[in-house]
Amino acid sequence: MNYQLPPANPDTVAHFKRQWAQSNGPTPVVGCECGRHLHIRNMFRCLYCGCWFCQACAEVHFGKTRVEYAAERATEAQGAV
């Protein structure tokens, strides 16, 4: 099995480094890829790539909206009962 990761995009690495520096400041306001700057508690972080996203960009990045995710969870909960 090949456990090597593909080479990272230099733009993504630079964006991640900027976000990391912003998140460690006294007032953690982080810039999203779309250009919005929000407090870190209003952002969503990807567990896999580590980048922070505003809600609109997070829905695109994760592939579903918060409403779709909530409906999916509700359906799963009803099936488990």
N, C-alpha and C. Protein backbone atom coordinates (compact mmCIF):
# COMPACT_ATOMS: atom_id res chain seq x y z
N MET A 1 0.82 -1.17 0.00
CA MET A 1 0.00 0.00 0.00
C MET A 1 0.87 1.25 0.00
N ASN A 2 0.47 2.25 -0.75
CA ASN A 2 1.21 3.50 -0.83
C ASN A 2 0.60 4.51 0.13
N TYR A 3 1.29 4.84 1.19
CA TYR A 3 0.79 5.78 2.19
C TYR A 3 1.27 7.20 1.96
N GLN A 4 1.98 7.45 0.88
CA GLN A 4 2.47 8.78 0.59
C GLN A 4 1.33 9.67 0.13
N LEU A 5 1.33 10.90 0.61
CA LEU A 5 0.35 11.88 0.16
C LEU A 5 0.85 12.54 -1.11
N PRO A 6 -0.08 12.98 -1.97
CA PRO A 6 0.36 13.72 -3.16
C PRO A 6 0.96 15.06 -2.72
N PRO A 7 1.80 15.66 -3.55
CA PRO A 7 2.38 16.95 -3.17
C PRO A 7 1.29 17.99 -2.96
N ALA A 8 1.44 18.78 -1.92
CA ALA A 8 0.43 19.79 -1.59
C ALA A 8 0.53 20.98 -2.54
N ASN A 9 -0.61 21.58 -2.83
CA ASN A 9 -0.67 22.77 -3.65
C ASN A 9 -0.03 23.92 -2.86
N PRO A 10 0.95 24.63 -3.41
CA PRO A 10 1.61 25.71 -2.66
C PRO A 10 0.64 26.81 -2.20
N ASP A 11 -0.41 27.08 -2.99
CA ASP A 11 -1.39 28.10 -2.60
C ASP A 11 -2.17 27.65 -1.37
N THR A 12 -2.52 26.36 -1.32
CA THR A 12 -3.25 25.82 -0.17
C THR A 12 -2.38 25.85 1.07
N VAL A 13 -1.12 25.51 0.92
CA VAL A 13 -0.19 25.52 2.05
C VAL A 13 -0.03 26.94 2.58
N ALA A 14 0.10 27.91 1.70
CA ALA A 14 0.25 29.31 2.11
C ALA A 14 -1.02 29.79 2.82
N HIS A 15 -2.19 29.43 2.29
CA HIS A 15 -3.46 29.81 2.91
C HIS A 15 -3.58 29.19 4.30
N PHE A 16 -3.22 27.93 4.43
CA PHE A 16 -3.28 27.25 5.72
C PHE A 16 -2.35 27.92 6.73
N LYS A 17 -1.13 28.28 6.31
CA LYS A 17 -0.19 28.94 7.21
C LYS A 17 -0.72 30.30 7.67
N ARG A 18 -1.37 31.04 6.75
CA ARG A 18 -1.98 32.33 7.13
C ARG A 18 -3.08 32.11 8.16
N GLN A 19 -3.94 31.12 7.91
CA GLN A 19 -5.03 30.84 8.84
C GLN A 19 -4.48 30.40 10.20
N TRP A 20 -3.43 29.62 10.20
CA TRP A 20 -2.86 29.15 11.46
C TRP A 20 -2.34 30.34 12.26
N ALA A 21 -1.65 31.27 11.61
CA ALA A 21 -1.13 32.45 12.30
C ALA A 21 -2.28 33.31 12.83
N GLN A 22 -3.35 33.46 12.04
CA GLN A 22 -4.50 34.27 12.46
C GLN A 22 -5.22 33.63 13.63
N SER A 23 -5.32 32.32 13.65
CA SER A 23 -6.08 31.63 14.70
C SER A 23 -5.36 31.63 16.04
N ASN A 24 -4.08 31.91 16.05
CA ASN A 24 -3.32 31.90 17.29
C ASN A 24 -3.12 33.29 17.88
N GLY A 25 -3.77 34.30 17.31
CA GLY A 25 -3.64 35.65 17.82
C GLY A 25 -4.53 35.89 19.03
N PRO A 26 -4.43 37.09 19.62
CA PRO A 26 -5.25 37.41 20.80
C PRO A 26 -6.75 37.46 20.47
N THR A 27 -7.09 37.90 19.28
CA THR A 27 -8.49 37.86 18.82
C THR A 27 -8.51 37.03 17.55
N PRO A 28 -8.85 35.76 17.65
CA PRO A 28 -8.72 34.85 16.49
C PRO A 28 -9.77 35.11 15.41
N VAL A 29 -9.46 36.05 14.52
CA VAL A 29 -10.28 36.32 13.35
C VAL A 29 -9.56 35.70 12.17
N VAL A 30 -10.23 34.78 11.50
CA VAL A 30 -9.60 33.99 10.45
C VAL A 30 -10.20 34.36 9.10
N GLY A 31 -9.37 34.41 8.08
CA GLY A 31 -9.81 34.71 6.72
C GLY A 31 -10.16 33.44 5.96
N CYS A 32 -11.34 33.43 5.35
CA CYS A 32 -11.77 32.30 4.54
C CYS A 32 -11.20 32.45 3.13
N GLU A 33 -11.29 31.40 2.33
CA GLU A 33 -10.79 31.45 0.95
C GLU A 33 -11.56 32.45 0.10
N CYS A 34 -12.84 32.72 0.48
CA CYS A 34 -13.66 33.65 -0.29
C CYS A 34 -13.33 35.11 0.05
N GLY A 35 -12.53 35.33 1.09
CA GLY A 35 -12.14 36.68 1.46
C GLY A 35 -12.82 37.21 2.71
N ARG A 36 -13.84 36.50 3.22
CA ARG A 36 -14.51 36.93 4.45
C ARG A 36 -13.60 36.66 5.64
N HIS A 37 -13.64 37.57 6.61
CA HIS A 37 -12.90 37.40 7.86
C HIS A 37 -13.91 37.34 9.00
N LEU A 38 -13.92 36.20 9.70
CA LEU A 38 -14.86 35.97 10.79
C LEU A 38 -14.12 35.48 12.02
N HIS A 39 -14.77 35.66 13.17
CA HIS A 39 -14.20 35.10 14.41
C HIS A 39 -14.17 33.59 14.27
N ILE A 40 -13.18 32.98 14.85
CA ILE A 40 -12.96 31.54 14.67
C ILE A 40 -14.15 30.70 15.14
N ARG A 41 -14.92 31.19 16.12
CA ARG A 41 -16.06 30.40 16.61
C ARG A 41 -17.21 30.38 15.60
N ASN A 42 -17.16 31.24 14.59
CA ASN A 42 -18.18 31.26 13.54
C ASN A 42 -17.71 30.56 12.26
N MET A 43 -16.58 29.88 12.35
CA MET A 43 -16.02 29.19 11.19
C MET A 43 -16.14 27.68 11.39
N PHE A 44 -15.98 26.95 10.29
CA PHE A 44 -16.01 25.49 10.31
C PHE A 44 -14.65 25.00 9.86
N ARG A 45 -14.07 24.06 10.61
CA ARG A 45 -12.75 23.53 10.26
C ARG A 45 -12.88 22.12 9.72
N CYS A 46 -12.20 21.85 8.62
CA CYS A 46 -12.18 20.52 8.03
C CYS A 46 -11.21 19.64 8.82
N LEU A 47 -11.67 18.47 9.21
CA LEU A 47 -10.82 17.54 9.95
C LEU A 47 -9.70 16.96 9.09
N TYR A 48 -9.89 16.98 7.78
CA TYR A 48 -8.92 16.34 6.89
C TYR A 48 -7.87 17.31 6.37
N CYS A 49 -8.29 18.48 5.88
CA CYS A 49 -7.30 19.42 5.33
C CYS A 49 -6.87 20.47 6.33
N GLY A 50 -7.66 20.69 7.41
CA GLY A 50 -7.28 21.62 8.46
C GLY A 50 -7.64 23.07 8.20
N CYS A 51 -8.20 23.39 7.04
CA CYS A 51 -8.54 24.77 6.72
C CYS A 51 -9.87 25.17 7.35
N TRP A 52 -10.01 26.47 7.63
CA TRP A 52 -11.23 27.03 8.20
C TRP A 52 -12.07 27.63 7.07
N PHE A 53 -13.41 27.49 7.17
CA PHE A 53 -14.33 27.98 6.15
C PHE A 53 -15.49 28.72 6.78
N CYS A 54 -16.00 29.74 6.07
CA CYS A 54 -17.26 30.36 6.47
C CYS A 54 -18.37 29.35 6.13
N GLN A 55 -19.61 29.63 6.54
CA GLN A 55 -20.67 28.64 6.33
C GLN A 55 -20.90 28.34 4.85
N ALA A 56 -20.92 29.38 4.02
CA ALA A 56 -21.18 29.16 2.59
C ALA A 56 -20.08 28.31 1.94
N CYS A 57 -18.84 28.60 2.24
CA CYS A 57 -17.72 27.83 1.67
C CYS A 57 -17.65 26.43 2.27
N ALA A 58 -18.02 26.30 3.56
CA ALA A 58 -18.01 24.98 4.20
C ALA A 58 -19.03 24.05 3.54
N GLU A 59 -20.19 24.59 3.20
CA GLU A 59 -21.20 23.76 2.55
C GLU A 59 -20.72 23.26 1.20
N VAL A 60 -19.98 24.08 0.48
CA VAL A 60 -19.40 23.64 -0.80
C VAL A 60 -18.30 22.63 -0.54
N HIS A 61 -17.42 22.90 0.43
CA HIS A 61 -16.29 22.02 0.71
C HIS A 61 -16.73 20.64 1.20
N PHE A 62 -17.74 20.62 2.10
CA PHE A 62 -18.19 19.35 2.69
C PHE A 62 -19.22 18.63 1.83
N GLY A 63 -19.84 19.32 0.88
CA GLY A 63 -20.73 18.65 -0.06
C GLY A 63 -22.20 18.63 0.32
N LYS A 64 -22.57 19.21 1.45
CA LYS A 64 -23.99 19.30 1.80
C LYS A 64 -24.21 20.48 2.74
N THR A 65 -25.45 20.98 2.73
CA THR A 65 -25.77 22.11 3.59
C THR A 65 -26.07 21.62 5.00
N ARG A 66 -26.15 22.55 5.94
CA ARG A 66 -26.46 22.18 7.32
C ARG A 66 -27.87 21.59 7.40
N VAL A 67 -28.79 22.09 6.60
CA VAL A 67 -30.17 21.58 6.59
C VAL A 67 -30.19 20.14 6.07
N GLU A 68 -29.46 19.87 4.99
CA GLU A 68 -29.38 18.51 4.45
C GLU A 68 -28.77 17.55 5.47
N TYR A 69 -27.72 18.01 6.16
CA TYR A 69 -27.07 17.17 7.16
C TYR A 69 -28.03 16.87 8.32
N ALA A 70 -28.76 17.89 8.79
CA ALA A 70 -29.71 17.69 9.89
C ALA A 70 -30.82 16.73 9.48
N ALA A 71 -31.33 16.85 8.26
CA ALA A 71 -32.38 15.96 7.77
C ALA A 71 -31.85 14.52 7.69
N GLU A 72 -30.62 14.36 7.23
CA GLU A 72 -30.02 13.03 7.14
C GLU A 72 -29.87 12.40 8.52
N ARG A 73 -29.43 13.20 9.49
CA ARG A 73 -29.28 12.70 10.87
C ARG A 73 -30.64 12.33 11.47
N ALA A 74 -31.68 13.13 11.19
CA ALA A 74 -33.00 12.84 11.70
C ALA A 74 -33.54 11.53 11.12
N THR A 75 -33.30 11.30 9.84
CA THR A 75 -33.73 10.07 9.19
C THR A 75 -33.01 8.87 9.80
N GLU A 76 -31.70 9.02 10.05
CA GLU A 76 -30.94 7.94 10.67
C GLU A 76 -31.46 7.63 12.08
N ALA A 77 -31.80 8.70 12.81
CA ALA A 77 -32.29 8.53 14.19
C ALA A 77 -33.65 7.81 14.20
N GLN A 78 -34.51 8.13 13.23
CA GLN A 78 -35.82 7.47 13.15
C GLN A 78 -35.66 6.00 12.79
N GLY A 79 -34.69 5.69 11.95
CA GLY A 79 -34.45 4.30 11.56
C GLY A 79 -33.86 3.47 12.68
N ALA A 80 -33.16 4.12 13.60
CA ALA A 80 -32.53 3.40 14.71
C ALA A 80 -33.50 3.08 15.84
N VAL A 81 -34.64 3.78 15.87
CA VAL A 81 -35.60 3.58 16.97
C VAL A 81 -36.39 2.34 16.77
